[in-house]
Amino acid sequence: MNKKRDSYMKFILLSALLATAMLACKKDKETDTHPPAWYIAESEQLVIPAAIELPDNLPKGNTRVATYYAEGVQKYKAQQKAGSDPATYEWVFVAPEAVLYDITNARVGTHSAGPSWQLTGVTDSIYGQAFTPAKTAASPDPAGIDWLLLMPKTGKVATGIFANVAYIQRIATTGGKAPAQLPVNAGETTNVAYTAIYRFTKKNP
């Protein structure tokens, strides 16, 4: 009788421990946030869509200058739809606002309106602009903003490590798309959380 009771108690204890472990694993999975270095490393395994691939620039090719993980928001404001009467509104993109991290997990700069990228405490900065026509690819994340290939902005001199950059890629995006629910008045604004990897590449001389 005691053996049966002991076996039963062991079974109950084992079940409780297993349930606790499973709950902990589930909680870890739900709250897991990898460091920036992990996302940067993972991005090197991505297949880049042809629409935003870098030109080969043969025979000398290209060299990556820097890679950063960005975490922040995409900012939107309400704008009246053209010709709507009575007035209806839609979301219009305003600017990004994000922090940049490098492969050592250090916070190294910011990404903001322009679009621009600025390293903290130094003179390294660059502005970007779209190609004509724009080079974009849909994000695998349904809520993710597009992947992009940009070039340095005409009339803006890139400085520091960005001085010879010819291409800026935005890849591995999560989130950032304008809300599906449209604004109801002209004064509304919203910030949508997003992450991305930004790559900066130069042509080899």
N, C-alpha and C. Protein backbone atom coordinates (compact mmCIF):
# COMPACT_ATOMS: atom_id res chain seq x y z
N MET A 1 0.84 -1.20 0.00
CA MET A 1 0.00 0.00 0.00
C MET A 1 0.88 1.25 0.00
N ASN A 2 1.92 1.22 0.89
CA ASN A 2 2.82 2.36 0.95
C ASN A 2 3.58 2.56 -0.34
N LYS A 3 3.96 1.41 -0.96
CA LYS A 3 4.67 1.49 -2.24
C LYS A 3 3.80 2.14 -3.31
N LYS A 4 2.53 1.75 -3.32
CA LYS A 4 1.60 2.34 -4.29
C LYS A 4 1.43 3.82 -4.03
N ARG A 5 1.31 4.17 -2.75
CA ARG A 5 1.14 5.59 -2.41
C ARG A 5 2.40 6.38 -2.78
N ASP A 6 3.57 5.78 -2.50
CA ASP A 6 4.82 6.45 -2.85
C ASP A 6 4.94 6.64 -4.35
N SER A 7 4.57 5.61 -5.10
CA SER A 7 4.63 5.68 -6.56
C SER A 7 3.69 6.76 -7.08
N TYR A 8 2.50 6.80 -6.46
CA TYR A 8 1.51 7.79 -6.87
C TYR A 8 2.02 9.20 -6.58
N MET A 9 2.62 9.38 -5.40
CA MET A 9 3.14 10.69 -5.02
C MET A 9 4.28 11.12 -5.94
N LYS A 10 5.14 10.15 -6.30
CA LYS A 10 6.22 10.44 -7.23
C LYS A 10 5.67 10.86 -8.59
N PHE A 11 4.61 10.18 -9.02
CA PHE A 11 3.98 10.51 -10.29
C PHE A 11 3.40 11.92 -10.26
N ILE A 12 2.74 12.27 -9.17
CA ILE A 12 2.16 13.61 -9.01
C ILE A 12 3.26 14.67 -9.03
N LEU A 13 4.35 14.38 -8.28
CA LEU A 13 5.47 15.32 -8.20
C LEU A 13 6.12 15.51 -9.57
N LEU A 14 6.34 14.40 -10.29
CA LEU A 14 6.94 14.46 -11.61
C LEU A 14 6.06 15.24 -12.58
N SER A 15 4.75 15.00 -12.51
CA SER A 15 3.80 15.72 -13.38
C SER A 15 3.83 17.21 -13.09
N ALA A 16 3.89 17.55 -11.81
CA ALA A 16 3.92 18.96 -11.42
C ALA A 16 5.20 19.63 -11.92
N LEU A 17 6.34 18.93 -11.78
CA LEU A 17 7.61 19.48 -12.25
C LEU A 17 7.61 19.66 -13.76
N LEU A 18 7.05 18.66 -14.46
CA LEU A 18 6.98 18.74 -15.92
C LEU A 18 6.10 19.90 -16.37
N ALA A 19 4.96 20.05 -15.70
CA ALA A 19 4.04 21.15 -16.02
C ALA A 19 4.70 22.50 -15.78
N THR A 20 5.44 22.59 -14.67
CA THR A 20 6.14 23.84 -14.35
C THR A 20 7.20 24.15 -15.39
N ALA A 21 7.93 23.12 -15.81
CA ALA A 21 8.97 23.32 -16.82
C ALA A 21 8.37 23.76 -18.15
N MET A 22 7.26 23.12 -18.53
CA MET A 22 6.60 23.48 -19.79
C MET A 22 6.09 24.91 -19.74
N LEU A 23 5.54 25.30 -18.59
CA LEU A 23 5.03 26.66 -18.43
C LEU A 23 6.18 27.66 -18.52
N ALA A 24 7.30 27.31 -17.91
CA ALA A 24 8.47 28.20 -17.94
C ALA A 24 9.00 28.36 -19.35
N CYS A 25 9.03 27.24 -20.08
CA CYS A 25 9.50 27.30 -21.48
C CYS A 25 8.58 28.16 -22.32
N LYS A 26 7.27 27.99 -22.10
CA LYS A 26 6.31 28.79 -22.84
C LYS A 26 6.48 30.26 -22.53
N LYS A 27 6.69 30.57 -21.24
CA LYS A 27 6.86 31.96 -20.83
C LYS A 27 8.13 32.54 -21.44
N ASP A 28 9.23 31.73 -21.42
CA ASP A 28 10.48 32.20 -22.01
C ASP A 28 10.31 32.49 -23.49
N LYS A 29 9.59 31.61 -24.17
CA LYS A 29 9.39 31.79 -25.61
C LYS A 29 8.59 33.05 -25.89
N GLU A 30 7.60 33.31 -25.05
CA GLU A 30 6.75 34.48 -25.26
C GLU A 30 7.47 35.78 -24.96
N THR A 31 8.40 35.73 -24.00
CA THR A 31 9.07 36.96 -23.57
C THR A 31 10.51 37.04 -24.07
N ASP A 32 10.92 36.04 -24.85
CA ASP A 32 12.30 35.99 -25.30
C ASP A 32 12.64 37.18 -26.18
N THR A 33 13.71 37.87 -25.88
CA THR A 33 14.22 38.94 -26.73
C THR A 33 15.71 38.73 -26.91
N HIS A 34 16.10 38.41 -28.13
CA HIS A 34 17.50 38.18 -28.41
C HIS A 34 18.24 39.51 -28.44
N PRO A 35 19.54 39.50 -28.17
CA PRO A 35 20.33 40.72 -28.26
C PRO A 35 20.51 41.13 -29.72
N PRO A 36 20.83 42.40 -29.98
CA PRO A 36 21.02 42.87 -31.35
C PRO A 36 22.00 42.02 -32.17
N ALA A 37 23.08 41.57 -31.52
CA ALA A 37 24.08 40.77 -32.23
C ALA A 37 23.47 39.52 -32.85
N TRP A 38 22.50 38.93 -32.15
CA TRP A 38 21.84 37.72 -32.65
C TRP A 38 21.10 38.03 -33.95
N TYR A 39 20.36 39.14 -33.97
CA TYR A 39 19.61 39.52 -35.16
C TYR A 39 20.53 39.85 -36.33
N ILE A 40 21.66 40.50 -36.02
CA ILE A 40 22.62 40.82 -37.08
C ILE A 40 23.20 39.54 -37.66
N ALA A 41 23.58 38.60 -36.79
CA ALA A 41 24.13 37.33 -37.26
C ALA A 41 23.11 36.55 -38.08
N GLU A 42 21.88 36.50 -37.61
CA GLU A 42 20.83 35.79 -38.33
C GLU A 42 20.58 36.41 -39.70
N SER A 43 20.70 37.72 -39.80
CA SER A 43 20.41 38.40 -41.08
C SER A 43 21.40 38.00 -42.16
N GLU A 44 22.58 37.54 -41.77
CA GLU A 44 23.58 37.12 -42.77
C GLU A 44 23.17 35.85 -43.49
N GLN A 45 22.20 35.14 -42.93
CA GLN A 45 21.72 33.91 -43.56
C GLN A 45 20.54 34.14 -44.50
N LEU A 46 20.05 35.37 -44.55
CA LEU A 46 18.86 35.66 -45.34
C LEU A 46 19.15 35.63 -46.84
N VAL A 47 18.16 35.21 -47.58
CA VAL A 47 18.21 35.30 -49.05
C VAL A 47 17.66 36.67 -49.42
N ILE A 48 18.47 37.47 -50.10
CA ILE A 48 18.06 38.82 -50.47
C ILE A 48 17.28 38.78 -51.79
N PRO A 49 16.07 39.32 -51.81
CA PRO A 49 15.27 39.33 -53.04
C PRO A 49 16.00 40.06 -54.17
N ALA A 50 15.80 39.59 -55.38
CA ALA A 50 16.48 40.17 -56.54
C ALA A 50 16.20 41.66 -56.67
N ALA A 51 15.00 42.10 -56.27
CA ALA A 51 14.61 43.50 -56.42
C ALA A 51 15.49 44.45 -55.63
N ILE A 52 16.11 43.95 -54.54
CA ILE A 52 16.94 44.85 -53.72
C ILE A 52 18.38 44.34 -53.59
N GLU A 53 18.76 43.43 -54.48
CA GLU A 53 20.14 42.95 -54.47
C GLU A 53 21.10 44.05 -54.88
N LEU A 54 22.33 43.96 -54.40
CA LEU A 54 23.36 44.91 -54.81
C LEU A 54 23.85 44.57 -56.21
N PRO A 55 24.16 45.57 -57.01
CA PRO A 55 24.81 45.30 -58.30
C PRO A 55 26.15 44.61 -58.06
N ASP A 56 26.59 43.78 -58.99
CA ASP A 56 27.86 43.06 -58.81
C ASP A 56 29.06 44.00 -58.87
N ASN A 57 28.95 45.05 -59.67
CA ASN A 57 30.06 46.00 -59.84
C ASN A 57 31.39 45.31 -60.12
N LEU A 58 31.34 44.38 -61.06
CA LEU A 58 32.54 43.65 -61.45
C LEU A 58 33.48 44.57 -62.22
N PRO A 59 34.79 44.36 -62.19
CA PRO A 59 35.43 43.16 -61.61
C PRO A 59 35.77 43.28 -60.13
N LYS A 60 35.67 44.47 -59.54
CA LYS A 60 36.17 44.65 -58.17
C LYS A 60 35.12 44.42 -57.09
N GLY A 61 33.84 44.52 -57.44
CA GLY A 61 32.80 44.19 -56.49
C GLY A 61 32.54 45.25 -55.43
N ASN A 62 31.98 44.80 -54.31
CA ASN A 62 31.57 45.69 -53.23
C ASN A 62 32.15 45.24 -51.89
N THR A 63 32.14 46.15 -50.92
CA THR A 63 32.56 45.82 -49.56
C THR A 63 31.56 46.41 -48.57
N ARG A 64 31.11 45.58 -47.64
CA ARG A 64 30.23 46.06 -46.57
C ARG A 64 31.00 46.97 -45.63
N VAL A 65 30.44 48.12 -45.36
CA VAL A 65 31.08 49.09 -44.46
C VAL A 65 30.58 48.91 -43.03
N ALA A 66 29.27 48.69 -42.89
CA ALA A 66 28.69 48.57 -41.55
C ALA A 66 27.34 47.88 -41.63
N THR A 67 26.97 47.25 -40.53
CA THR A 67 25.66 46.62 -40.39
C THR A 67 25.13 46.96 -39.01
N TYR A 68 23.88 47.43 -38.95
CA TYR A 68 23.28 47.81 -37.67
C TYR A 68 21.88 47.22 -37.53
N TYR A 69 21.55 46.92 -36.29
CA TYR A 69 20.20 46.50 -35.93
C TYR A 69 19.47 47.74 -35.41
N ALA A 70 18.30 48.00 -35.93
CA ALA A 70 17.51 49.17 -35.53
C ALA A 70 16.25 48.73 -34.79
N GLU A 71 15.94 49.44 -33.72
CA GLU A 71 14.73 49.18 -32.95
C GLU A 71 14.08 50.52 -32.62
N GLY A 72 12.83 50.69 -33.01
CA GLY A 72 12.18 51.96 -32.77
C GLY A 72 10.76 51.97 -33.29
N VAL A 73 10.37 53.08 -33.91
CA VAL A 73 9.00 53.23 -34.42
C VAL A 73 9.02 53.86 -35.81
N GLN A 74 7.94 53.58 -36.53
CA GLN A 74 7.63 54.30 -37.76
C GLN A 74 6.48 55.25 -37.40
N LYS A 75 6.67 56.53 -37.68
CA LYS A 75 5.70 57.55 -37.26
C LYS A 75 4.75 57.87 -38.43
N TYR A 76 3.46 57.97 -38.12
CA TYR A 76 2.44 58.28 -39.12
C TYR A 76 1.54 59.42 -38.62
N LYS A 77 0.95 60.13 -39.58
CA LYS A 77 -0.04 61.15 -39.24
C LYS A 77 -1.25 61.00 -40.16
N ALA A 78 -2.38 61.53 -39.70
CA ALA A 78 -3.60 61.47 -40.50
C ALA A 78 -3.58 62.54 -41.59
N GLN A 79 -4.12 62.17 -42.74
CA GLN A 79 -4.25 63.12 -43.85
C GLN A 79 -5.57 62.85 -44.56
N GLN A 80 -6.26 63.91 -44.94
CA GLN A 80 -7.54 63.74 -45.62
C GLN A 80 -7.31 63.13 -46.99
N LYS A 81 -8.13 62.15 -47.32
CA LYS A 81 -8.05 61.54 -48.65
C LYS A 81 -8.48 62.56 -49.70
N ALA A 82 -7.73 62.64 -50.76
CA ALA A 82 -8.01 63.61 -51.82
C ALA A 82 -9.42 63.43 -52.36
N GLY A 83 -10.16 64.54 -52.40
CA GLY A 83 -11.50 64.53 -52.99
C GLY A 83 -12.58 63.92 -52.13
N SER A 84 -12.27 63.52 -50.90
CA SER A 84 -13.29 62.89 -50.06
C SER A 84 -14.24 63.94 -49.48
N ASP A 85 -15.53 63.69 -49.61
CA ASP A 85 -16.56 64.60 -49.11
C ASP A 85 -17.82 63.79 -48.79
N PRO A 86 -18.16 63.60 -47.51
CA PRO A 86 -17.49 64.17 -46.34
C PRO A 86 -16.07 63.62 -46.18
N ALA A 87 -15.27 64.36 -45.43
CA ALA A 87 -13.86 64.03 -45.30
C ALA A 87 -13.62 62.66 -44.68
N THR A 88 -12.75 61.90 -45.30
CA THR A 88 -12.24 60.66 -44.72
C THR A 88 -10.72 60.77 -44.70
N TYR A 89 -10.09 59.96 -43.85
CA TYR A 89 -8.66 60.15 -43.61
C TYR A 89 -7.89 58.84 -43.82
N GLU A 90 -6.60 59.01 -44.06
CA GLU A 90 -5.69 57.87 -44.20
C GLU A 90 -4.39 58.17 -43.49
N TRP A 91 -3.61 57.12 -43.22
CA TRP A 91 -2.32 57.29 -42.58
C TRP A 91 -1.25 57.63 -43.61
N VAL A 92 -0.44 58.62 -43.30
CA VAL A 92 0.67 59.02 -44.17
C VAL A 92 1.96 58.92 -43.36
N PHE A 93 2.97 58.29 -43.96
CA PHE A 93 4.25 58.12 -43.27
C PHE A 93 4.92 59.46 -43.03
N VAL A 94 5.48 59.63 -41.83
CA VAL A 94 6.17 60.87 -41.47
C VAL A 94 7.69 60.64 -41.42
N ALA A 95 8.13 59.74 -40.55
CA ALA A 95 9.57 59.52 -40.38
C ALA A 95 9.81 58.32 -39.48
N PRO A 96 11.01 57.74 -39.57
CA PRO A 96 11.39 56.71 -38.60
C PRO A 96 12.01 57.36 -37.37
N GLU A 97 12.01 56.64 -36.29
CA GLU A 97 12.73 57.07 -35.08
C GLU A 97 13.20 55.80 -34.38
N ALA A 98 14.50 55.53 -34.51
CA ALA A 98 15.02 54.26 -34.00
C ALA A 98 16.43 54.42 -33.45
N VAL A 99 16.79 53.46 -32.62
CA VAL A 99 18.14 53.37 -32.07
C VAL A 99 18.90 52.30 -32.86
N LEU A 100 20.18 52.56 -33.13
CA LEU A 100 21.02 51.62 -33.86
C LEU A 100 21.95 50.89 -32.90
N TYR A 101 22.10 49.57 -33.11
CA TYR A 101 23.00 48.74 -32.31
C TYR A 101 23.97 48.02 -33.24
N ASP A 102 25.19 47.79 -32.76
CA ASP A 102 26.16 47.08 -33.58
C ASP A 102 26.31 45.63 -33.13
N ILE A 103 27.26 44.92 -33.74
CA ILE A 103 27.44 43.50 -33.50
C ILE A 103 27.91 43.20 -32.08
N THR A 104 28.37 44.20 -31.35
CA THR A 104 28.77 44.00 -29.95
C THR A 104 27.63 44.30 -28.98
N ASN A 105 26.44 44.56 -29.53
CA ASN A 105 25.25 44.92 -28.74
C ASN A 105 25.31 46.34 -28.17
N ALA A 106 26.28 47.11 -28.60
CA ALA A 106 26.40 48.49 -28.13
C ALA A 106 25.43 49.40 -28.88
N ARG A 107 24.85 50.33 -28.15
CA ARG A 107 23.99 51.35 -28.75
C ARG A 107 24.91 52.40 -29.39
N VAL A 108 24.87 52.51 -30.72
CA VAL A 108 25.89 53.31 -31.42
C VAL A 108 25.35 54.54 -32.15
N GLY A 109 24.03 54.67 -32.29
CA GLY A 109 23.53 55.81 -33.04
C GLY A 109 22.03 55.82 -33.16
N THR A 110 21.56 56.64 -34.11
CA THR A 110 20.11 56.79 -34.31
C THR A 110 19.78 56.81 -35.80
N HIS A 111 18.53 56.49 -36.07
CA HIS A 111 17.97 56.55 -37.42
C HIS A 111 16.75 57.45 -37.34
N SER A 112 16.69 58.46 -38.20
CA SER A 112 15.60 59.43 -38.08
C SER A 112 15.22 59.99 -39.44
N ALA A 113 14.48 61.10 -39.43
CA ALA A 113 13.94 61.69 -40.65
C ALA A 113 15.04 61.96 -41.66
N GLY A 114 14.70 61.86 -42.91
CA GLY A 114 15.66 62.12 -43.99
C GLY A 114 15.45 61.22 -45.20
N PRO A 115 15.54 59.87 -45.05
CA PRO A 115 15.99 59.18 -43.83
C PRO A 115 17.47 59.40 -43.60
N SER A 116 17.87 59.37 -42.34
CA SER A 116 19.28 59.58 -42.01
C SER A 116 19.71 58.60 -40.93
N TRP A 117 21.03 58.36 -40.90
CA TRP A 117 21.65 57.51 -39.90
C TRP A 117 22.82 58.28 -39.32
N GLN A 118 22.88 58.38 -38.01
CA GLN A 118 23.90 59.19 -37.34
C GLN A 118 24.50 58.38 -36.20
N LEU A 119 25.82 58.23 -36.19
CA LEU A 119 26.46 57.56 -35.07
C LEU A 119 26.65 58.54 -33.92
N THR A 120 26.55 58.03 -32.71
CA THR A 120 26.58 58.88 -31.52
C THR A 120 27.98 59.38 -31.20
N GLY A 121 28.08 60.70 -30.96
CA GLY A 121 29.33 61.28 -30.48
C GLY A 121 30.43 61.41 -31.50
N VAL A 122 30.13 61.12 -32.76
CA VAL A 122 31.12 61.23 -33.83
C VAL A 122 30.49 61.91 -35.04
N THR A 123 31.28 62.08 -36.09
CA THR A 123 30.77 62.80 -37.27
C THR A 123 30.32 61.87 -38.38
N ASP A 124 30.06 60.61 -38.04
CA ASP A 124 29.63 59.65 -39.05
C ASP A 124 28.13 59.79 -39.29
N SER A 125 27.74 60.20 -40.50
CA SER A 125 26.31 60.32 -40.82
C SER A 125 26.09 60.16 -42.31
N ILE A 126 24.87 59.77 -42.66
CA ILE A 126 24.50 59.61 -44.05
C ILE A 126 23.00 59.79 -44.21
N TYR A 127 22.60 60.39 -45.33
CA TYR A 127 21.19 60.50 -45.72
C TYR A 127 20.96 59.58 -46.91
N GLY A 128 19.74 59.05 -47.00
CA GLY A 128 19.44 58.15 -48.10
C GLY A 128 18.25 58.64 -48.91
N GLN A 129 18.15 58.10 -50.12
CA GLN A 129 16.99 58.38 -50.97
C GLN A 129 16.72 57.16 -51.82
N ALA A 130 15.51 57.09 -52.34
CA ALA A 130 15.11 55.96 -53.17
C ALA A 130 15.70 56.06 -54.56
N PHE A 131 15.89 54.91 -55.18
CA PHE A 131 16.23 54.87 -56.60
C PHE A 131 14.98 55.22 -57.40
N THR A 132 15.16 55.51 -58.67
CA THR A 132 14.02 55.74 -59.56
C THR A 132 14.10 54.74 -60.71
N PRO A 133 13.15 53.79 -60.82
CA PRO A 133 12.05 53.54 -59.88
C PRO A 133 12.56 52.94 -58.57
N ALA A 134 11.71 53.01 -57.54
CA ALA A 134 12.09 52.53 -56.22
C ALA A 134 12.37 51.03 -56.24
N LYS A 135 13.36 50.61 -55.46
CA LYS A 135 13.73 49.20 -55.35
C LYS A 135 13.22 48.69 -54.00
N THR A 136 12.17 47.89 -54.04
CA THR A 136 11.53 47.40 -52.81
C THR A 136 11.19 45.92 -52.94
N ALA A 137 11.01 45.28 -51.80
CA ALA A 137 10.55 43.89 -51.75
C ALA A 137 9.71 43.72 -50.49
N ALA A 138 8.64 42.96 -50.61
CA ALA A 138 7.75 42.74 -49.47
C ALA A 138 8.47 41.99 -48.36
N SER A 139 8.18 42.37 -47.12
CA SER A 139 8.75 41.67 -45.97
C SER A 139 8.05 40.33 -45.77
N PRO A 140 8.78 39.29 -45.35
CA PRO A 140 8.13 38.03 -45.01
C PRO A 140 7.15 38.17 -43.85
N ASP A 141 7.35 39.19 -43.01
CA ASP A 141 6.44 39.48 -41.91
C ASP A 141 5.25 40.27 -42.46
N PRO A 142 4.03 39.75 -42.38
CA PRO A 142 2.86 40.45 -42.93
C PRO A 142 2.69 41.86 -42.38
N ALA A 143 3.15 42.08 -41.15
CA ALA A 143 3.05 43.41 -40.53
C ALA A 143 4.31 44.24 -40.76
N GLY A 144 5.28 43.67 -41.46
CA GLY A 144 6.56 44.33 -41.64
C GLY A 144 6.59 45.28 -42.82
N ILE A 145 7.26 46.41 -42.63
CA ILE A 145 7.46 47.34 -43.74
C ILE A 145 8.39 46.71 -44.77
N ASP A 146 8.35 47.25 -45.98
CA ASP A 146 9.11 46.68 -47.09
C ASP A 146 10.61 46.68 -46.83
N TRP A 147 11.29 45.73 -47.46
CA TRP A 147 12.73 45.76 -47.57
C TRP A 147 13.07 46.74 -48.68
N LEU A 148 14.20 47.44 -48.54
CA LEU A 148 14.54 48.50 -49.49
C LEU A 148 16.01 48.46 -49.90
N LEU A 149 16.27 49.00 -51.08
CA LEU A 149 17.62 49.34 -51.49
C LEU A 149 17.61 50.84 -51.79
N LEU A 150 18.43 51.59 -51.05
CA LEU A 150 18.50 53.04 -51.20
C LEU A 150 19.91 53.44 -51.64
N MET A 151 20.04 54.71 -52.02
CA MET A 151 21.36 55.25 -52.35
C MET A 151 21.56 56.52 -51.55
N PRO A 152 22.80 57.01 -51.44
CA PRO A 152 23.03 58.26 -50.71
C PRO A 152 22.25 59.41 -51.34
N LYS A 153 21.77 60.31 -50.50
CA LYS A 153 20.92 61.40 -50.97
C LYS A 153 21.73 62.47 -51.71
N THR A 154 21.22 62.84 -52.88
CA THR A 154 21.86 63.88 -53.68
C THR A 154 21.89 65.19 -52.91
N GLY A 155 23.06 65.84 -52.88
CA GLY A 155 23.18 67.12 -52.19
C GLY A 155 23.51 67.03 -50.73
N LYS A 156 23.58 65.79 -50.20
CA LYS A 156 23.96 65.57 -48.79
C LYS A 156 25.26 64.78 -48.76
N VAL A 157 26.28 65.33 -48.13
CA VAL A 157 27.58 64.68 -48.09
C VAL A 157 27.63 63.69 -46.92
N ALA A 158 27.86 62.42 -47.25
CA ALA A 158 28.03 61.41 -46.20
C ALA A 158 29.40 61.59 -45.57
N THR A 159 29.49 61.35 -44.26
CA THR A 159 30.73 61.61 -43.54
C THR A 159 31.19 60.38 -42.75
N GLY A 160 32.46 60.43 -42.31
CA GLY A 160 33.01 59.36 -41.48
C GLY A 160 33.03 58.04 -42.21
N ILE A 161 32.62 56.98 -41.53
CA ILE A 161 32.66 55.65 -42.14
C ILE A 161 31.69 55.51 -43.31
N PHE A 162 30.73 56.43 -43.40
CA PHE A 162 29.74 56.38 -44.48
C PHE A 162 30.20 57.13 -45.74
N ALA A 163 31.38 57.73 -45.71
CA ALA A 163 31.80 58.65 -46.77
C ALA A 163 31.74 58.04 -48.16
N ASN A 164 32.08 56.78 -48.32
CA ASN A 164 32.10 56.16 -49.65
C ASN A 164 30.96 55.17 -49.88
N VAL A 165 29.97 55.18 -48.99
CA VAL A 165 28.84 54.25 -49.13
C VAL A 165 28.07 54.55 -50.41
N ALA A 166 27.75 53.50 -51.15
CA ALA A 166 26.99 53.64 -52.40
C ALA A 166 25.59 53.06 -52.28
N TYR A 167 25.40 52.14 -51.31
CA TYR A 167 24.12 51.45 -51.18
C TYR A 167 23.73 51.31 -49.71
N ILE A 168 22.44 51.46 -49.44
CA ILE A 168 21.88 51.24 -48.11
C ILE A 168 20.74 50.24 -48.27
N GLN A 169 20.83 49.12 -47.57
CA GLN A 169 19.75 48.12 -47.62
C GLN A 169 19.03 48.07 -46.29
N ARG A 170 17.70 48.02 -46.36
CA ARG A 170 16.88 47.74 -45.18
C ARG A 170 16.29 46.35 -45.37
N ILE A 171 16.63 45.44 -44.48
CA ILE A 171 16.16 44.06 -44.59
C ILE A 171 15.68 43.58 -43.22
N ALA A 172 15.17 42.33 -43.20
CA ALA A 172 14.79 41.68 -41.94
C ALA A 172 13.84 42.52 -41.10
N THR A 173 12.89 43.16 -41.74
CA THR A 173 11.98 44.04 -41.02
C THR A 173 10.88 43.27 -40.29
N THR A 174 10.51 43.76 -39.12
CA THR A 174 9.33 43.28 -38.40
C THR A 174 8.53 44.49 -37.98
N GLY A 175 7.21 44.44 -38.16
CA GLY A 175 6.35 45.54 -37.76
C GLY A 175 6.58 46.80 -38.59
N GLY A 176 5.96 47.88 -38.12
CA GLY A 176 6.17 49.19 -38.75
C GLY A 176 5.11 49.65 -39.72
N LYS A 177 4.24 48.75 -40.18
CA LYS A 177 3.21 49.15 -41.13
C LYS A 177 2.15 50.03 -40.46
N ALA A 178 1.56 50.93 -41.24
CA ALA A 178 0.49 51.77 -40.72
C ALA A 178 -0.67 50.90 -40.24
N PRO A 179 -1.39 51.34 -39.20
CA PRO A 179 -2.52 50.54 -38.69
C PRO A 179 -3.59 50.33 -39.76
N ALA A 180 -4.23 49.16 -39.69
CA ALA A 180 -5.33 48.87 -40.62
C ALA A 180 -6.52 49.77 -40.33
N GLN A 181 -6.70 50.12 -39.05
CA GLN A 181 -7.80 51.01 -38.67
C GLN A 181 -7.44 52.44 -39.03
N LEU A 182 -8.21 53.05 -39.91
CA LEU A 182 -7.91 54.38 -40.40
C LEU A 182 -8.22 55.46 -39.37
N PRO A 183 -7.55 56.60 -39.45
CA PRO A 183 -7.85 57.70 -38.53
C PRO A 183 -9.22 58.30 -38.83
N VAL A 184 -9.76 59.01 -37.85
CA VAL A 184 -11.09 59.62 -38.03
C VAL A 184 -11.05 61.13 -38.03
N ASN A 185 -9.87 61.70 -37.74
CA ASN A 185 -9.76 63.16 -37.84
C ASN A 185 -8.33 63.55 -38.20
N ALA A 186 -8.15 64.78 -38.61
CA ALA A 186 -6.86 65.24 -39.14
C ALA A 186 -5.77 65.37 -38.08
N GLY A 187 -6.14 65.36 -36.82
CA GLY A 187 -5.15 65.57 -35.77
C GLY A 187 -4.49 64.31 -35.25
N GLU A 188 -4.88 63.16 -35.75
CA GLU A 188 -4.37 61.91 -35.21
C GLU A 188 -2.95 61.61 -35.67
N THR A 189 -2.18 61.03 -34.76
CA THR A 189 -0.85 60.52 -35.09
C THR A 189 -0.70 59.15 -34.43
N THR A 190 0.24 58.37 -34.93
CA THR A 190 0.49 57.07 -34.31
C THR A 190 1.93 56.66 -34.56
N ASN A 191 2.49 55.92 -33.62
CA ASN A 191 3.83 55.35 -33.74
C ASN A 191 3.72 53.84 -33.73
N VAL A 192 4.28 53.18 -34.74
CA VAL A 192 4.19 51.73 -34.86
C VAL A 192 5.57 51.12 -34.66
N ALA A 193 5.69 50.25 -33.67
CA ALA A 193 6.98 49.64 -33.36
C ALA A 193 7.50 48.81 -34.53
N TYR A 194 8.82 48.87 -34.73
CA TYR A 194 9.43 48.06 -35.80
C TYR A 194 10.89 47.76 -35.45
N THR A 195 11.42 46.77 -36.15
CA THR A 195 12.85 46.49 -36.11
C THR A 195 13.32 46.24 -37.54
N ALA A 196 14.60 46.42 -37.76
CA ALA A 196 15.17 46.19 -39.08
C ALA A 196 16.68 46.05 -38.98
N ILE A 197 17.26 45.51 -40.03
CA ILE A 197 18.70 45.50 -40.20
C ILE A 197 19.03 46.46 -41.33
N TYR A 198 20.01 47.32 -41.09
CA TYR A 198 20.50 48.25 -42.13
C TYR A 198 21.93 47.89 -42.49
N ARG A 199 22.14 47.72 -43.80
CA ARG A 199 23.48 47.42 -44.32
C ARG A 199 23.97 48.59 -45.15
N PHE A 200 25.24 48.94 -44.98
CA PHE A 200 25.86 50.05 -45.72
C PHE A 200 27.05 49.47 -46.49
N THR A 201 27.04 49.67 -47.81
CA THR A 201 28.03 49.03 -48.68
C THR A 201 28.64 50.04 -49.64
N LYS A 202 29.94 49.88 -49.90
CA LYS A 202 30.63 50.76 -50.86
C LYS A 202 31.09 49.93 -52.07
N LYS A 203 31.32 50.61 -53.19
CA LYS A 203 31.93 49.99 -54.35
C LYS A 203 33.44 49.97 -54.15
N ASN A 204 34.06 48.88 -54.52
CA ASN A 204 35.52 48.81 -54.41
C ASN A 204 36.16 49.63 -55.53
N PRO A 205 37.12 50.49 -55.17
CA PRO A 205 37.75 51.35 -56.20
C PRO A 205 38.66 50.55 -57.15
